[in-house]
Protein backbone atom coordinates (compact mmCIF):
# COMPACT_ATOMS: atom_id res chain seq x y z
CA MET A 1 -3.54 -8.67 13.14
CA LEU A 2 -1.11 -9.27 10.28
CA ARG A 3 1.51 -11.87 11.13
CA LEU A 4 4.57 -12.76 9.06
CA GLU A 5 5.61 -16.04 10.63
CA LYS A 6 9.19 -17.06 9.84
CA LEU A 7 8.57 -15.82 6.32
CA ARG A 8 11.20 -16.46 3.67
CA ILE A 9 10.89 -15.20 0.10
CA THR A 10 13.45 -16.40 -2.43
CA GLN A 11 13.97 -15.04 -5.94
CA GLY A 12 17.02 -16.40 -7.70
CA ASP A 13 19.99 -15.76 -5.42
CA PHE A 14 18.09 -13.19 -3.33
CA THR A 15 16.36 -14.13 -0.06
CA LEU A 16 14.29 -11.92 2.23
CA ARG A 17 13.25 -12.94 5.73
CA ALA A 18 10.64 -11.50 8.09
CA ASP A 19 9.22 -12.65 11.41
CA TRP A 20 6.94 -10.09 13.10
CA GLN A 21 3.38 -8.90 13.46
CA VAL A 22 1.44 -5.65 13.11
CA ALA A 23 -1.78 -4.72 14.88
CA GLU A 24 -4.95 -3.70 13.04
CA GLY A 25 -5.10 -0.03 12.13
CA SER A 26 -1.33 0.46 12.35
CA ARG A 27 0.58 2.77 10.03
CA VAL A 28 3.92 1.31 9.04
CA ALA A 29 6.53 2.75 6.70
CA VAL A 30 8.84 0.30 4.93
CA ILE A 31 12.24 1.83 4.22
CA GLY A 32 15.65 0.69 3.06
CA PRO A 33 18.10 0.65 0.15
CA SER A 34 17.01 0.00 -3.44
CA GLY A 35 16.91 -3.68 -4.25
CA GLY A 36 16.67 -4.61 -0.58
CA GLY A 37 13.29 -6.29 -0.89
CA LYS A 38 10.73 -3.66 0.15
CA SER A 39 8.43 -4.24 -2.83
CA THR A 40 9.06 -7.99 -2.56
CA LEU A 41 7.71 -7.91 0.99
CA LEU A 42 4.49 -6.18 -0.06
CA MET A 43 4.04 -8.48 -3.06
CA ALA A 44 4.23 -11.51 -0.77
CA ILE A 45 1.65 -10.05 1.61
CA ALA A 46 -0.63 -9.28 -1.33
CA GLY A 47 -0.25 -12.80 -2.69
CA PHE A 48 1.61 -12.01 -5.91
CA LEU A 49 4.70 -13.86 -4.67
CA ALA A 50 4.58 -17.21 -2.91
CA PRO A 51 6.86 -17.61 0.12
CA SER A 52 9.47 -20.34 -0.04
CA ALA A 53 8.94 -20.89 3.69
CA GLY A 54 6.83 -19.52 6.52
CA ARG A 55 3.36 -18.03 6.45
CA VAL A 56 1.41 -14.82 5.99
CA LEU A 57 -1.52 -14.79 8.42
CA TRP A 58 -4.42 -12.41 8.84
CA GLN A 59 -6.41 -12.71 12.07
CA GLY A 60 -4.75 -16.08 12.57
CA LYS A 61 -5.74 -17.42 9.13
CA ASP A 62 -3.03 -18.64 6.76
CA LEU A 63 -3.45 -16.79 3.44
CA ALA A 64 -1.40 -19.25 1.38
CA ALA A 65 -4.45 -20.64 -0.45
CA VAL A 66 -6.18 -17.25 -0.82
CA ALA A 67 -5.90 -15.61 -4.26
CA PRO A 68 -4.67 -11.99 -4.37
CA GLY A 69 -8.11 -10.65 -5.27
CA ASP A 70 -9.69 -12.41 -2.31
CA ARG A 71 -7.16 -11.30 0.31
CA PRO A 72 -8.06 -8.60 2.84
CA VAL A 73 -5.69 -6.31 0.94
CA SER A 74 -5.74 -3.38 -1.46
CA MET A 75 -2.46 -2.45 -3.13
CA LEU A 76 -1.43 0.75 -4.88
CA PHE A 77 1.50 0.52 -7.27
CA GLN A 78 3.84 3.17 -8.63
CA ASP A 79 1.93 3.35 -11.93
CA GLN A 80 -1.47 3.51 -10.12
CA ASN A 81 -2.60 0.47 -12.20
CA LEU A 82 -5.47 2.35 -13.88
CA PHE A 83 -6.72 1.02 -17.20
CA PRO A 84 -6.13 3.81 -19.75
CA HIS A 85 -9.03 2.79 -22.05
CA LEU A 86 -11.60 2.98 -19.24
CA SER A 87 -13.11 6.01 -17.54
CA LEU A 88 -12.50 6.65 -13.86
CA ARG A 89 -16.02 5.45 -13.12
CA GLU A 90 -15.29 2.19 -14.96
CA ASN A 91 -11.89 1.76 -13.33
CA LEU A 92 -13.49 2.07 -9.91
CA GLY A 93 -16.50 0.00 -10.93
CA LEU A 94 -14.36 -3.02 -11.79
CA GLY A 95 -13.74 -3.49 -8.08
CA LEU A 96 -17.47 -3.78 -7.48
CA SER A 97 -18.56 -5.66 -10.61
CA PRO A 98 -15.97 -7.25 -12.96
CA ARG A 99 -18.50 -7.02 -15.81
CA LEU A 100 -19.31 -3.40 -14.93
CA ARG A 101 -22.98 -4.18 -14.43
CA LEU A 102 -23.44 -1.52 -11.79
CA ASP A 103 -26.69 -0.87 -9.98
CA ALA A 104 -27.78 2.49 -8.61
CA ALA A 105 -26.32 1.82 -5.18
CA GLN A 106 -22.92 0.95 -6.67
CA GLU A 107 -22.98 4.03 -8.89
CA ALA A 108 -23.68 6.13 -5.81
CA ARG A 109 -20.75 4.53 -3.98
CA ILE A 110 -18.43 5.32 -6.89
CA ALA A 111 -19.60 8.94 -7.02
CA GLY A 112 -19.14 9.21 -3.26
CA ALA A 113 -15.61 7.81 -3.40
CA LEU A 114 -14.63 10.22 -6.17
CA GLU A 115 -16.05 13.11 -4.19
CA ARG A 116 -14.19 12.00 -1.06
CA VAL A 117 -10.81 12.21 -2.84
CA GLY A 118 -11.57 15.49 -4.60
CA LEU A 119 -12.49 14.12 -8.03
CA ALA A 120 -16.22 14.86 -8.06
CA GLY A 121 -17.53 15.26 -11.60
CA LEU A 122 -14.58 13.46 -13.23
CA GLY A 123 -16.10 9.99 -13.42
CA ALA A 124 -16.26 10.12 -17.24
CA ALA A 125 -12.62 11.17 -17.62
CA ARG A 126 -9.96 8.70 -18.71
CA PRO A 127 -6.70 8.46 -16.75
CA GLY A 128 -4.68 10.04 -19.55
CA ARG A 129 -6.53 13.31 -19.04
CA LEU A 130 -5.55 13.49 -15.39
CA SER A 131 -2.49 14.84 -13.63
CA GLY A 132 -0.27 12.52 -11.60
CA GLY A 133 -1.89 13.74 -8.40
CA GLN A 134 -5.38 13.12 -9.77
CA GLN A 135 -4.40 9.61 -10.83
CA GLY A 136 -3.13 8.96 -7.32
CA ARG A 137 -6.44 10.21 -5.92
CA ALA A 138 -8.32 7.89 -8.29
CA ALA A 139 -6.27 4.91 -7.09
CA LEU A 140 -7.07 5.87 -3.50
CA ALA A 141 -10.76 6.11 -4.37
CA ARG A 142 -10.64 2.57 -5.72
CA ALA A 143 -8.98 1.38 -2.50
CA LEU A 144 -11.65 3.22 -0.52
CA LEU A 145 -14.37 1.39 -2.45
CA ARG A 146 -12.74 -1.99 -1.85
CA ALA A 147 -12.77 -1.26 1.90
CA ARG A 148 -10.14 -3.88 2.69
CA PRO A 149 -8.53 -3.79 6.15
CA VAL A 150 -4.96 -3.71 4.80
CA LEU A 151 -3.71 -1.01 2.43
CA LEU A 152 -0.32 -1.61 0.78
CA LEU A 153 1.39 1.35 -0.91
CA ASP A 154 4.37 0.63 -3.16
CA GLU A 155 5.68 4.19 -3.65
CA PRO A 156 2.56 5.31 -5.57
CA PHE A 157 3.47 9.00 -5.10
CA ALA A 158 7.21 8.79 -5.79
CA ALA A 159 6.93 10.71 -9.08
CA LEU A 160 5.04 13.63 -7.54
CA GLY A 161 6.55 16.90 -6.43
CA PRO A 162 7.23 17.43 -2.72
CA ALA A 163 4.15 19.55 -1.96
CA LEU A 164 1.77 17.24 -3.83
CA LYS A 165 3.30 14.17 -2.20
CA VAL A 166 2.72 15.67 1.24
CA GLU A 167 -0.91 16.32 0.25
CA MET A 168 -1.39 12.73 -0.92
CA LEU A 169 0.17 11.28 2.25
CA ALA A 170 -2.18 13.40 4.32
CA LEU A 171 -5.11 12.03 2.31
CA VAL A 172 -3.90 8.46 2.89
CA ALA A 173 -3.74 9.14 6.63
CA GLU A 174 -7.25 10.63 6.61
CA ILE A 175 -8.75 7.72 4.72
CA ALA A 176 -6.94 5.17 6.89
CA GLY A 177 -8.23 6.95 9.97
CA GLU A 178 -11.79 6.90 8.67
CA THR A 179 -11.77 3.26 7.58
CA GLY A 180 -9.49 1.82 10.27
CA ALA A 181 -7.26 0.28 7.60
CA MET A 182 -3.74 -0.85 8.37
CA VAL A 183 -1.23 0.91 6.10
CA LEU A 184 2.13 -0.47 4.98
CA MET A 185 3.91 2.03 2.75
CA VAL A 186 7.19 1.55 0.88
CA THR A 187 9.25 4.73 0.66
CA HIS A 188 12.83 5.86 0.13
CA ASP A 189 12.22 9.13 1.96
CA PRO A 190 12.62 9.29 5.77
CA GLN A 191 10.32 12.33 5.80
CA ASP A 192 7.53 10.22 4.29
CA ALA A 193 7.95 7.74 7.14
CA ARG A 194 7.75 10.55 9.68
CA ARG A 195 4.64 12.02 8.04
CA LEU A 196 2.92 8.65 8.05
CA GLY A 197 3.66 8.34 11.75
CA GLY A 198 3.42 5.11 13.66
CA GLU A 199 6.16 2.55 13.04
CA THR A 200 8.84 1.80 10.48
CA VAL A 201 10.21 -1.47 9.13
CA LEU A 202 13.83 -1.36 7.95
CA VAL A 203 14.54 -3.73 5.06
CA ALA A 204 18.26 -4.35 4.59
CA GLY A 205 20.72 -7.20 4.40
CA GLY A 206 18.10 -9.72 3.37
CA GLU A 207 15.88 -9.09 6.39
CA ALA A 208 12.75 -7.04 7.05
CA LEU A 209 13.34 -6.12 10.66
CA PRO A 210 10.47 -5.93 13.17
CA PRO A 211 8.61 -2.60 13.24
CA ARG A 212 9.89 0.08 15.59
CA GLY A 213 8.42 3.42 16.52
CA THR A 214 9.45 5.74 13.69
CA GLU A 215 10.82 8.58 15.79
CA ALA A 216 12.68 6.19 18.09
CA LEU A 217 14.19 4.38 15.10
CA PHE A 218 15.51 7.57 13.51
CA ALA A 219 16.71 8.93 16.85
CA ASP A 220 18.85 5.83 17.41
CA PRO A 221 19.28 4.16 14.01
CA PRO A 222 20.98 0.78 13.63
CA GLN A 223 24.10 0.68 11.47
CA ALA A 224 22.19 -0.53 8.39
CA LEU A 225 19.92 2.52 8.57
CA ARG A 226 22.88 4.85 9.14
CA ASP A 227 24.56 3.40 6.06
CA TYR A 228 21.40 3.95 4.05
CA LEU A 229 20.80 7.51 5.23
CA GLY A 230 24.46 8.47 4.80
């Protein structure tokens, strides 16, 4: 279980608060106006921002002293965070061996992950040769290799066309279903939240509200969500 316990994140004159929990394996969309703190929330869970108060707990353990790379979290950013000078194989391999000293078993895992996301045979390619959709698939393959129980998505498919975005969201759902990973996904698009299914967190007015069932939330939206949706 992921627990945000009286969490407060302060950056300059901006403060975001959250106090709720999410069960393992849940799929949660994070929606709200630009600048409301959606990415800030994910960055705090991942350990890139330190809370000014409260705690982030996983399975009852306070993660305050746990470095981002050691947290039970994989995070996909908008730019996919792939190193342009490395091949896909090397980009994925860094998650298994920082010095890229890969044994046969690790090489096989990398090949298997690339095949799983539809990139078989492209291990030698560099990110610049790939389409936006292929780069998104590569980032998902890396997350698959890391096999962390929490997957954070900070609008990694926002630049894709509608059809390709739907395809990538379906792939996220498939992989989460196979691995049992909890998914928290930032989006500006209510349809993305519906496609992800599960629950939705509304971030507005300096507060990340507790998750609610997505369909129930949109069927009876609070005023902050009505203002956002227009």
